[in-house]
Amino acid sequence: MGIDLTTLSVFGGALGVGLGFGLQKIAASYVSGFIILLDRSIRIGNVISVGSDRGQVTRITTRYTVLKGLGGVEAIVPNELLVSSVVGNESYTDRQVRVGLPVQVSYGTNLEQALAILEGIARAQPRVLADPAPQAVVLAFADSGISLELGFWIRDPEAGTGGLRSAINLSIWRAFKEVGIAFPFPQREVRLLQG
């Protein structure tokens, strides 16, 4: 037919190598899917994070796993990624998750009073667990104020923490305003030198 067999064999080899590399990823995802289904390290209902994706596992197939984020967006994650990288599983053995909420107060603040207010506000929230109890701590003496952190535990990470953080922050703002605790803000002093 007038076709050079050397050209045909080079083309066939390149096509075979390309198909091999393409099928390698697919085969790795299928094998990884069987591993996940057999060892049950990830189960439907778990809240996991892998890379930049975080959500609740809604479906596991042999090729991919579906994560439903809090915003309703579903991410289809290849199973190979779940086996070959670090996966944060917030509900693997225990559904309790610690949430840390940073707060900064001015240097003139009564710290014992501020810490007691923070812990009381966390205890008043229905989603916050009583055991382990909420704890407020002094983290650091920063440039503009004193950095505190309110730490508390929840049992339903799949419900997210955005609404809870907002409710607690609003309660902190109201309570601090009532007792006169000020939130610091960056200030700069400029001095003009004469002569």
Foldseek 3Di string as FASTA:
>chain_A
DPDDVVVVVVVVVVVVVVVVVVVVLQVLLLVLLVVCVVVVQDDAQWWKDADPDTAGFHDGDSFWTWGQHLVRDIDTGGSNSVVPGDMGTCPRPAQKDKDKDKAWFAPVDPVVVLFVQLQVLLVPDPQFDPVVGWGKDFDAQDDFGTMMMIMTMGRCCNNPCPVVNVSSVVSSVVVCVVVVIHGTDDDDDDDDDDD
